[in-house]
Amino acid sequence: TTSEAVLTLHKVSRQEPNSPTAKALPAQEKSVVLHM
């Protein structure tokens, strides 16, 4: 923007491969926003 740089970090959390929900649940994305 004119006054800052905004960085959005995405981290995908995956289910354990042998977990019973591994195929039932999609990977979830967590976001963090940093402002400089």
Full PDB file with SEQRES, HELIX, SHEET, SSBOND, CRYST1, ORIGX, SCALE, CONECT and MASTER records, all heavy atoms in Angstrom:
SEQRES   1 A   36  THR THR SER GLU ALA VAL LEU THR LEU HIS LYS VAL SER          
SEQRES   2 A   36  ARG GLN GLU PRO ASN SER PRO THR ALA LYS ALA LEU PRO          
SEQRES   3 A   36  ALA GLN GLU LYS SER VAL VAL LEU HIS MET                      
SHEET    1 AA1 2 VAL A   6  SER A  13  0                                        
SHEET    2 AA1 2 GLN A  28  HIS A  35 -1                                        
CRYST1    1.000    1.000    1.000  90.00  90.00  90.00 P 1           1          
ORIGX1      1.000000  0.000000  0.000000        0.00000                         
ORIGX2      0.000000  1.000000  0.000000        0.00000                         
ORIGX3      0.000000  0.000000  1.000000        0.00000                         
SCALE1      1.000000  0.000000  0.000000        0.00000                         
SCALE2      0.000000  1.000000  0.000000        0.00000                         
SCALE3      0.000000  0.000000  1.000000        0.00000                         
ATOM      1  N   THR A   1       0.862  -1.174   0.000  1.00  0.00           N  
ATOM      2  CA  THR A   1       0.000   0.000   0.000  1.00  0.00           C  
ATOM      3  C   THR A   1       0.901   1.227   0.000  1.00  0.00           C  
ATOM      4  O   THR A   1       2.128   1.101  -0.022  1.00  0.00           O  
ATOM      5  CB  THR A   1      -0.922   0.020   1.243  1.00  0.00           C  
ATOM      6  OG1 THR A   1      -0.150   0.325   2.407  1.00  0.00           O  
ATOM      7  CG2 THR A   1      -1.639  -1.315   1.433  1.00  0.00           C  
ATOM      8  N   THR A   2       0.333   2.406   0.065  1.00  0.00           N  
ATOM      9  CA  THR A   2       1.181   3.598   0.097  1.00  0.00           C  
ATOM     10  C   THR A   2       1.931   3.733   1.414  1.00  0.00           C  
ATOM     11  O   THR A   2       2.965   4.388   1.464  1.00  0.00           O  
ATOM     12  CB  THR A   2       0.361   4.885  -0.141  1.00  0.00           C  
ATOM     13  OG1 THR A   2      -0.707   4.931   0.799  1.00  0.00           O  
ATOM     14  CG2 THR A   2      -0.184   4.944  -1.554  1.00  0.00           C  
ATOM     15  N   SER A   3       1.452   3.096   2.487  1.00  0.00           N  
ATOM     16  CA  SER A   3       2.076   3.306   3.787  1.00  0.00           C  
ATOM     17  C   SER A   3       2.695   2.069   4.420  1.00  0.00           C  
ATOM     18  O   SER A   3       3.358   2.183   5.445  1.00  0.00           O  
ATOM     19  CB  SER A   3       1.045   3.891   4.761  1.00  0.00           C  
ATOM     20  OG  SER A   3      -0.026   2.975   4.940  1.00  0.00           O  
ATOM     21  N   GLU A   4       2.471   0.878   3.827  1.00  0.00           N  
ATOM     22  CA  GLU A   4       3.015  -0.314   4.463  1.00  0.00           C  
ATOM     23  C   GLU A   4       3.105  -1.483   3.495  1.00  0.00           C  
ATOM     24  O   GLU A   4       2.506  -1.483   2.421  1.00  0.00           O  
ATOM     25  CB  GLU A   4       2.178  -0.713   5.680  1.00  0.00           C  
ATOM     26  CG  GLU A   4       0.792  -1.200   5.348  1.00  0.00           C  
ATOM     27  CD  GLU A   4      -0.033  -1.571   6.578  1.00  0.00           C  
ATOM     28  OE1 GLU A   4       0.539  -1.859   7.642  1.00  0.00           O  
ATOM     29  OE2 GLU A   4      -1.258  -1.577   6.462  1.00  0.00           O  
ATOM     30  N   ALA A   5       3.873  -2.481   3.925  1.00  0.00           N  
ATOM     31  CA  ALA A   5       3.931  -3.771   3.248  1.00  0.00           C  
ATOM     32  C   ALA A   5       3.225  -4.763   4.169  1.00  0.00           C  
ATOM     33  O   ALA A   5       3.554  -4.863   5.353  1.00  0.00           O  
ATOM     34  CB  ALA A   5       5.372  -4.196   3.017  1.00  0.00           C  
ATOM     35  N   VAL A   6       2.228  -5.449   3.631  1.00  0.00           N  
ATOM     36  CA  VAL A   6       1.464  -6.425   4.407  1.00  0.00           C  
ATOM     37  C   VAL A   6       1.798  -7.805   3.861  1.00  0.00           C  
ATOM     38  O   VAL A   6       1.575  -8.086   2.688  1.00  0.00           O  
ATOM     39  CB  VAL A   6      -0.052  -6.147   4.316  1.00  0.00           C  
ATOM     40  CG1 VAL A   6      -0.832  -7.172   5.130  1.00  0.00           C  
ATOM     41  CG2 VAL A   6      -0.366  -4.723   4.769  1.00  0.00           C  
ATOM     42  N   LEU A   7       2.338  -8.643   4.717  1.00  0.00           N  
ATOM     43  CA  LEU A   7       2.767  -9.985   4.337  1.00  0.00           C  
ATOM     44  C   LEU A   7       1.812 -10.984   4.970  1.00  0.00           C  
ATOM     45  O   LEU A   7       1.643 -11.010   6.186  1.00  0.00           O  
ATOM     46  CB  LEU A   7       4.196 -10.216   4.826  1.00  0.00           C  
ATOM     47  CG  LEU A   7       4.909 -11.451   4.354  1.00  0.00           C  
ATOM     48  CD1 LEU A   7       5.091 -11.434   2.838  1.00  0.00           C  
ATOM     49  CD2 LEU A   7       6.271 -11.550   5.028  1.00  0.00           C  
ATOM     50  N   THR A   8       1.160 -11.791   4.136  1.00  0.00           N  
ATOM     51  CA  THR A   8       0.267 -12.846   4.611  1.00  0.00           C  
ATOM     52  C   THR A   8       0.971 -14.174   4.404  1.00  0.00           C  
ATOM     53  O   THR A   8       1.275 -14.547   3.266  1.00  0.00           O  
ATOM     54  CB  THR A   8      -1.067 -12.829   3.833  1.00  0.00           C  
ATOM     55  OG1 THR A   8      -1.640 -11.542   3.941  1.00  0.00           O  
ATOM     56  CG2 THR A   8      -2.037 -13.845   4.392  1.00  0.00           C  
ATOM     57  N   LEU A   9       1.264 -14.848   5.500  1.00  0.00           N  
ATOM     58  CA  LEU A   9       1.947 -16.140   5.450  1.00  0.00           C  
ATOM     59  C   LEU A   9       0.906 -17.250   5.519  1.00  0.00           C  
ATOM     60  O   LEU A   9      -0.019 -17.193   6.330  1.00  0.00           O  
ATOM     61  CB  LEU A   9       2.910 -16.284   6.623  1.00  0.00           C  
ATOM     62  CG  LEU A   9       3.957 -15.189   6.781  1.00  0.00           C  
ATOM     63  CD1 LEU A   9       4.708 -15.358   8.085  1.00  0.00           C  
ATOM     64  CD2 LEU A   9       4.906 -15.211   5.610  1.00  0.00           C  
ATOM     65  N   HIS A  10       1.064 -18.260   4.685  1.00  0.00           N  
ATOM     66  CA  HIS A  10       0.151 -19.400   4.658  1.00  0.00           C  
ATOM     67  C   HIS A  10       0.912 -20.639   5.077  1.00  0.00           C  
ATOM     68  O   HIS A  10       1.958 -20.940   4.525  1.00  0.00           O  
ATOM     69  CB  HIS A  10      -0.404 -19.636   3.251  1.00  0.00           C  
ATOM     70  CG  HIS A  10      -1.016 -18.420   2.645  1.00  0.00           C  
ATOM     71  ND1 HIS A  10      -2.234 -17.923   3.037  1.00  0.00           N  
ATOM     72  CD2 HIS A  10      -0.563 -17.583   1.692  1.00  0.00           C  
ATOM     73  CE1 HIS A  10      -2.511 -16.840   2.340  1.00  0.00           C  
ATOM     74  NE2 HIS A  10      -1.505 -16.612   1.513  1.00  0.00           N  
ATOM     75  N   LYS A  11       0.365 -21.334   6.030  1.00  0.00           N  
ATOM     76  CA  LYS A  11       0.975 -22.583   6.463  1.00  0.00           C  
ATOM     77  C   LYS A  11      -0.103 -23.649   6.413  1.00  0.00           C  
ATOM     78  O   LYS A  11      -1.141 -23.524   7.039  1.00  0.00           O  
ATOM     79  CB  LYS A  11       1.522 -22.446   7.883  1.00  0.00           C  
ATOM     80  CG  LYS A  11       2.290 -23.649   8.351  1.00  0.00           C  
ATOM     81  CD  LYS A  11       2.921 -23.391   9.699  1.00  0.00           C  
ATOM     82  CE  LYS A  11       3.811 -24.543  10.096  1.00  0.00           C  
ATOM     83  NZ  LYS A  11       4.418 -24.315  11.395  1.00  0.00           N  
ATOM     84  N   VAL A  12       0.143 -24.689   5.642  1.00  0.00           N  
ATOM     85  CA  VAL A  12      -0.824 -25.772   5.498  1.00  0.00           C  
ATOM     86  C   VAL A  12      -0.523 -26.827   6.542  1.00  0.00           C  
ATOM     87  O   VAL A  12       0.599 -27.295   6.660  1.00  0.00           O  
ATOM     88  CB  VAL A  12      -0.765 -26.376   4.078  1.00  0.00           C  
ATOM     89  CG1 VAL A  12      -1.715 -27.546   3.959  1.00  0.00           C  
ATOM     90  CG2 VAL A  12      -1.083 -25.309   3.048  1.00  0.00           C  
ATOM     91  N   SER A  13      -1.553 -27.164   7.320  1.00  0.00           N  
ATOM     92  CA  SER A  13      -1.389 -28.255   8.292  1.00  0.00           C  
ATOM     93  C   SER A  13      -2.038 -29.498   7.712  1.00  0.00           C  
ATOM     94  O   SER A  13      -3.161 -29.468   7.239  1.00  0.00           O  
ATOM     95  CB  SER A  13      -2.020 -27.869   9.635  1.00  0.00           C  
ATOM     96  OG  SER A  13      -3.411 -27.676   9.479  1.00  0.00           O  
ATOM     97  N   ARG A  14      -1.331 -30.574   7.721  1.00  0.00           N  
ATOM     98  CA  ARG A  14      -1.798 -31.832   7.128  1.00  0.00           C  
ATOM     99  C   ARG A  14      -2.148 -32.824   8.235  1.00  0.00           C  
ATOM    100  O   ARG A  14      -1.552 -32.811   9.311  1.00  0.00           O  
ATOM    101  CB  ARG A  14      -0.711 -32.421   6.235  1.00  0.00           C  
ATOM    102  CG  ARG A  14      -0.261 -31.461   5.162  1.00  0.00           C  
ATOM    103  CD  ARG A  14      -0.406 -32.134   3.828  1.00  0.00           C  
ATOM    104  NE  ARG A  14       0.045 -31.231   2.785  1.00  0.00           N  
ATOM    105  CZ  ARG A  14      -0.764 -30.685   1.900  1.00  0.00           C  
ATOM    106  NH1 ARG A  14      -2.035 -30.911   1.937  1.00  0.00           N  
ATOM    107  NH2 ARG A  14      -0.302 -29.894   0.966  1.00  0.00           N  
ATOM    108  N   GLN A  15      -3.077 -33.696   7.932  1.00  0.00           N  
ATOM    109  CA  GLN A  15      -3.435 -34.775   8.852  1.00  0.00           C  
ATOM    110  C   GLN A  15      -2.332 -35.835   8.805  1.00  0.00           C  
ATOM    111  O   GLN A  15      -1.650 -35.999   7.800  1.00  0.00           O  
ATOM    112  CB  GLN A  15      -4.771 -35.404   8.423  1.00  0.00           C  
ATOM    113  CG  GLN A  15      -5.927 -34.438   8.395  1.00  0.00           C  
ATOM    114  CD  GLN A  15      -6.349 -34.007   9.777  1.00  0.00           C  
ATOM    115  OE1 GLN A  15      -6.194 -34.754  10.742  1.00  0.00           O  
ATOM    116  NE2 GLN A  15      -6.838 -32.799   9.894  1.00  0.00           N  
ATOM    117  N   GLU A  16      -2.173 -36.548   9.864  1.00  0.00           N  
ATOM    118  CA  GLU A  16      -1.246 -37.684   9.873  1.00  0.00           C  
ATOM    119  C   GLU A  16      -1.709 -38.688   8.816  1.00  0.00           C  
ATOM    120  O   GLU A  16      -2.904 -38.986   8.730  1.00  0.00           O  
ATOM    121  CB  GLU A  16      -1.212 -38.350  11.256  1.00  0.00           C  
ATOM    122  CG  GLU A  16      -0.550 -37.495  12.318  1.00  0.00           C  
ATOM    123  CD  GLU A  16       0.914 -37.275  12.033  1.00  0.00           C  
ATOM    124  OE1 GLU A  16       1.598 -38.202  11.553  1.00  0.00           O  
ATOM    125  OE2 GLU A  16       1.390 -36.163  12.286  1.00  0.00           O  
ATOM    126  N   PRO A  17      -0.786 -39.246   8.003  1.00  0.00           N  
ATOM    127  CA  PRO A  17      -1.202 -40.134   6.922  1.00  0.00           C  
ATOM    128  C   PRO A  17      -1.961 -41.368   7.393  1.00  0.00           C  
ATOM    129  O   PRO A  17      -2.801 -41.882   6.687  1.00  0.00           O  
ATOM    130  CB  PRO A  17       0.107 -40.507   6.226  1.00  0.00           C  
ATOM    131  CG  PRO A  17       1.204 -40.045   7.094  1.00  0.00           C  
ATOM    132  CD  PRO A  17       0.643 -39.050   8.062  1.00  0.00           C  
ATOM    133  N   ASN A  18      -1.687 -41.880   8.596  1.00  0.00           N  
ATOM    134  CA  ASN A  18      -2.360 -43.087   9.070  1.00  0.00           C  
ATOM    135  C   ASN A  18      -3.582 -42.776   9.913  1.00  0.00           C  
ATOM    136  O   ASN A  18      -4.204 -43.684  10.449  1.00  0.00           O  
ATOM    137  CB  ASN A  18      -1.376 -43.960   9.866  1.00  0.00           C  
ATOM    138  CG  ASN A  18      -0.247 -44.446   8.983  1.00  0.00           C  
ATOM    139  OD1 ASN A  18      -0.441 -44.665   7.792  1.00  0.00           O  
ATOM    140  ND2 ASN A  18       0.932 -44.609   9.566  1.00  0.00           N  
ATOM    141  N   SER A  19      -3.915 -41.513  10.043  1.00  0.00           N  
ATOM    142  CA  SER A  19      -5.071 -41.113  10.828  1.00  0.00           C  
ATOM    143  C   SER A  19      -6.352 -41.527  10.104  1.00  0.00           C  
ATOM    144  O   SER A  19      -6.434 -41.471   8.883  1.00  0.00           O  
ATOM    145  CB  SER A  19      -5.048 -39.595  11.015  1.00  0.00           C  
ATOM    146  OG  SER A  19      -6.308 -39.134  11.416  1.00  0.00           O  
ATOM    147  N   PRO A  20      -7.394 -41.941  10.850  1.00  0.00           N  
ATOM    148  CA  PRO A  20      -8.646 -42.320  10.199  1.00  0.00           C  
ATOM    149  C   PRO A  20      -9.312 -41.153   9.465  1.00  0.00           C  
ATOM    150  O   PRO A  20     -10.107 -41.363   8.567  1.00  0.00           O  
ATOM    151  CB  PRO A  20      -9.541 -42.808  11.346  1.00  0.00           C  
ATOM    152  CG  PRO A  20      -8.800 -42.605  12.603  1.00  0.00           C  
ATOM    153  CD  PRO A  20      -7.422 -42.152  12.281  1.00  0.00           C  
ATOM    154  N   THR A  21      -8.977 -39.938   9.842  1.00  0.00           N  
ATOM    155  CA  THR A  21      -9.577 -38.774   9.182  1.00  0.00           C  
ATOM    156  C   THR A  21      -8.715 -38.206   8.072  1.00  0.00           C  
ATOM    157  O   THR A  21      -9.071 -37.223   7.455  1.00  0.00           O  
ATOM    158  CB  THR A  21      -9.845 -37.654  10.212  1.00  0.00           C  
ATOM    159  OG1 THR A  21      -8.599 -37.269  10.802  1.00  0.00           O  
ATOM    160  CG2 THR A  21     -10.831 -38.101  11.271  1.00  0.00           C  
ATOM    161  N   ALA A  22      -7.585 -38.834   7.785  1.00  0.00           N  
ATOM    162  CA  ALA A  22      -6.639 -38.280   6.815  1.00  0.00           C  
ATOM    163  C   ALA A  22      -7.274 -38.058   5.454  1.00  0.00           C  
ATOM    164  O   ALA A  22      -7.030 -37.047   4.813  1.00  0.00           O  
ATOM    165  CB  ALA A  22      -5.415 -39.184   6.682  1.00  0.00           C  
ATOM    166  N   LYS A  23      -8.076 -38.971   4.989  1.00  0.00           N  
ATOM    167  CA  LYS A  23      -8.689 -38.807   3.675  1.00  0.00           C  
ATOM    168  C   LYS A  23     -10.017 -38.062   3.759  1.00  0.00           C  
ATOM    169  O   LYS A  23     -10.480 -37.500   2.791  1.00  0.00           O  
ATOM    170  CB  LYS A  23      -8.880 -40.165   3.015  1.00  0.00           C  
ATOM    171  CG  LYS A  23      -7.549 -40.791   2.689  1.00  0.00           C  
ATOM    172  CD  LYS A  23      -7.686 -42.023   1.865  1.00  0.00           C  
ATOM    173  CE  LYS A  23      -6.301 -42.620   1.770  1.00  0.00           C  
ATOM    174  NZ  LYS A  23      -5.914 -43.210   0.638  1.00  0.00           N  
ATOM    175  N   ALA A  24     -10.630 -38.073   4.926  1.00  0.00           N  
ATOM    176  CA  ALA A  24     -11.931 -37.430   5.083  1.00  0.00           C  
ATOM    177  C   ALA A  24     -11.806 -35.924   5.226  1.00  0.00           C  
ATOM    178  O   ALA A  24     -12.694 -35.191   4.813  1.00  0.00           O  
ATOM    179  CB  ALA A  24     -12.650 -38.009   6.295  1.00  0.00           C  
ATOM    180  N   LEU A  25     -10.719 -35.456   5.817  1.00  0.00           N  
ATOM    181  CA  LEU A  25     -10.558 -34.022   6.066  1.00  0.00           C  
ATOM    182  C   LEU A  25      -9.487 -33.442   5.162  1.00  0.00           C  
ATOM    183  O   LEU A  25      -8.390 -33.979   5.092  1.00  0.00           O  
ATOM    184  CB  LEU A  25     -10.166 -33.772   7.528  1.00  0.00           C  
ATOM    185  CG  LEU A  25     -11.198 -34.156   8.578  1.00  0.00           C  
ATOM    186  CD1 LEU A  25     -10.618 -33.950   9.955  1.00  0.00           C  
ATOM    187  CD2 LEU A  25     -12.473 -33.344   8.404  1.00  0.00           C  
ATOM    188  N   PRO A  26      -9.780 -32.326   4.481  1.00  0.00           N  
ATOM    189  CA  PRO A  26      -8.756 -31.696   3.647  1.00  0.00           C  
ATOM    190  C   PRO A  26      -7.726 -30.991   4.529  1.00  0.00           C  
ATOM    191  O   PRO A  26      -7.945 -30.732   5.702  1.00  0.00           O  
ATOM    192  CB  PRO A  26      -9.561 -30.676   2.831  1.00  0.00           C  
ATOM    193  CG  PRO A  26     -10.751 -30.366   3.688  1.00  0.00           C  
ATOM    194  CD  PRO A  26     -11.052 -31.629   4.451  1.00  0.00           C  
ATOM    195  N   ALA A  27      -6.592 -30.680   3.920  1.00  0.00           N  
ATOM    196  CA  ALA A  27      -5.560 -29.922   4.630  1.00  0.00           C  
ATOM    197  C   ALA A  27      -6.130 -28.557   4.987  1.00  0.00           C  
ATOM    198  O   ALA A  27      -6.909 -27.973   4.237  1.00  0.00           O  
ATOM    199  CB  ALA A  27      -4.330 -29.764   3.752  1.00  0.00           C  
ATOM    200  N   GLN A  28      -5.767 -28.054   6.156  1.00  0.00           N  
ATOM    201  CA  GLN A  28      -6.261 -26.758   6.600  1.00  0.00           C  
ATOM    202  C   GLN A  28      -5.149 -25.732   6.470  1.00  0.00           C  
ATOM    203  O   GLN A  28      -4.001 -26.011   6.789  1.00  0.00           O  
ATOM    204  CB  GLN A  28      -6.742 -26.833   8.041  1.00  0.00           C  
ATOM    205  CG  GLN A  28      -7.949 -27.736   8.197  1.00  0.00           C  
ATOM    206  CD  GLN A  28      -8.436 -27.761   9.633  1.00  0.00           C  
ATOM    207  OE1 GLN A  28      -7.829 -27.196  10.520  1.00  0.00           O  
ATOM    208  NE2 GLN A  28      -9.553 -28.432   9.852  1.00  0.00           N  
ATOM    209  N   GLU A  29      -5.516 -24.552   6.008  1.00  0.00           N  
ATOM    210  CA  GLU A  29      -4.536 -23.490   5.826  1.00  0.00           C  
ATOM    211  C   GLU A  29      -4.688 -22.470   6.947  1.00  0.00           C  
ATOM    212  O   GLU A  29      -5.781 -22.007   7.237  1.00  0.00           O  
ATOM    213  CB  GLU A  29      -4.755 -22.815   4.473  1.00  0.00           C  
ATOM    214  CG  GLU A  29      -3.660 -21.845   4.129  1.00  0.00           C  
ATOM    215  CD  GLU A  29      -3.810 -21.328   2.717  1.00  0.00           C  
ATOM    216  OE1 GLU A  29      -3.507 -22.074   1.782  1.00  0.00           O  
ATOM    217  OE2 GLU A  29      -4.227 -20.165   2.575  1.00  0.00           O  
ATOM    218  N   LYS A  30      -3.582 -22.153   7.590  1.00  0.00           N  
ATOM    219  CA  LYS A  30      -3.563 -21.123   8.619  1.00  0.00           C  
ATOM    220  C   LYS A  30      -2.843 -19.916   8.033  1.00  0.00           C  
ATOM    221  O   LYS A  30      -1.841 -20.061   7.352  1.00  0.00           O  
ATOM    222  CB  LYS A  30      -2.818 -21.614   9.860  1.00  0.00           C  
ATOM    223  CG  LYS A  30      -3.464 -22.804  10.530  1.00  0.00           C  
ATOM    224  CD  LYS A  30      -2.631 -23.256  11.711  1.00  0.00           C  
ATOM    225  CE  LYS A  30      -3.229 -24.494  12.333  1.00  0.00           C  
ATOM    226  NZ  LYS A  30      -2.431 -25.000  13.436  1.00  0.00           N  
ATOM    227  N   SER A  31      -3.364 -18.743   8.307  1.00  0.00           N  
ATOM    228  CA  SER A  31      -2.734 -17.529   7.792  1.00  0.00           C  
ATOM    229  C   SER A  31      -2.330 -16.629   8.941  1.00  0.00           C  
ATOM    230  O   SER A  31      -3.017 -16.559   9.955  1.00  0.00           O  
ATOM    231  CB  SER A  31      -3.703 -16.760   6.883  1.00  0.00           C  
ATOM    232  OG  SER A  31      -3.970 -17.492   5.729  1.00  0.00           O  
ATOM    233  N   VAL A  32      -1.221 -15.972   8.761  1.00  0.00           N  
ATOM    234  CA  VAL A  32      -0.728 -14.975   9.695  1.00  0.00           C  
ATOM    235  C   VAL A  32      -0.408 -13.739   8.885  1.00  0.00           C  
ATOM    236  O   VAL A  32       0.133 -13.830   7.780  1.00  0.00           O  
ATOM    237  CB  VAL A  32       0.537 -15.481  10.433  1.00  0.00           C  
ATOM    238  CG1 VAL A  32       1.155 -14.389  11.271  1.00  0.00           C  
ATOM    239  CG2 VAL A  32       0.207 -16.686  11.278  1.00  0.00           C  
ATOM    240  N   VAL A  33      -0.751 -12.591   9.423  1.00  0.00           N  
ATOM    241  CA  VAL A  33      -0.513 -11.331   8.726  1.00  0.00           C  
ATOM    242  C   VAL A  33       0.520 -10.525   9.502  1.00  0.00           C  
ATOM    243  O   VAL A  33       0.383 -10.337  10.717  1.00  0.00           O  
ATOM    244  CB  VAL A  33      -1.824 -10.528   8.577  1.00  0.00           C  
ATOM    245  CG1 VAL A  33      -1.565  -9.208   7.888  1.00  0.00           C  
ATOM    246  CG2 VAL A  33      -2.864 -11.335   7.830  1.00  0.00           C  
ATOM    247  N   LEU A  34       1.568 -10.075   8.808  1.00  0.00           N  
ATOM    248  CA  LEU A  34       2.585  -9.202   9.388  1.00  0.00           C  
ATOM    249  C   LEU A  34       2.566  -7.879   8.636  1.00  0.00           C  
ATOM    250  O   LEU A  34       2.432  -7.850   7.415  1.00  0.00           O  
ATOM    251  CB  LEU A  34       3.975  -9.833   9.278  1.00  0.00           C  
ATOM    252  CG  LEU A  34       4.194 -11.138  10.033  1.00  0.00           C  
ATOM    253  CD1 LEU A  34       5.546 -11.732   9.677  1.00  0.00           C  
ATOM    254  CD2 LEU A  34       4.093 -10.914  11.528  1.00  0.00           C  
ATOM    255  N   HIS A  35       2.692  -6.787   9.371  1.00  0.00           N  
ATOM    256  CA  HIS A  35       2.694  -5.445   8.781  1.00  0.00           C  
ATOM    257  C   HIS A  35       4.060  -4.806   8.994  1.00  0.00           C  
ATOM    258  O   HIS A  35       4.578  -4.822  10.103  1.00  0.00           O  
ATOM    259  CB  HIS A  35       1.642  -4.557   9.455  1.00  0.00           C  
ATOM    260  CG  HIS A  35       0.242  -5.038   9.283  1.00  0.00           C  
ATOM    261  ND1 HIS A  35      -0.604  -4.506   8.350  1.00  0.00           N  
ATOM    262  CD2 HIS A  35      -0.460  -6.013   9.916  1.00  0.00           C  
ATOM    263  CE1 HIS A  35      -1.771  -5.112   8.420  1.00  0.00           C  
ATOM    264  NE2 HIS A  35      -1.711  -6.038   9.359  1.00  0.00           N  
ATOM    265  N   MET A  36       4.638  -4.254   7.936  1.00  0.00           N  
ATOM    266  CA  MET A  36       5.882  -3.503   8.047  1.00  0.00           C  
ATOM    267  C   MET A  36       5.587  -2.079   7.569  1.00  0.00           C  
ATOM    268  O   MET A  36       5.249  -1.869   6.407  1.00  0.00           O  
ATOM    269  CB  MET A  36       6.993  -4.119   7.201  1.00  0.00           C  
ATOM    270  CG  MET A  36       8.319  -3.391   7.382  1.00  0.00           C  
ATOM    271  SD  MET A  36       9.696  -4.176   6.517  1.00  0.00           S  
ATOM    272  CE  MET A  36       9.395  -3.611   4.864  1.00  0.00           C  
TER     273      MET A  36                                                      
MASTER        0    0    0    0    2    0    0    6  272    1    0    3          
END                                                                             
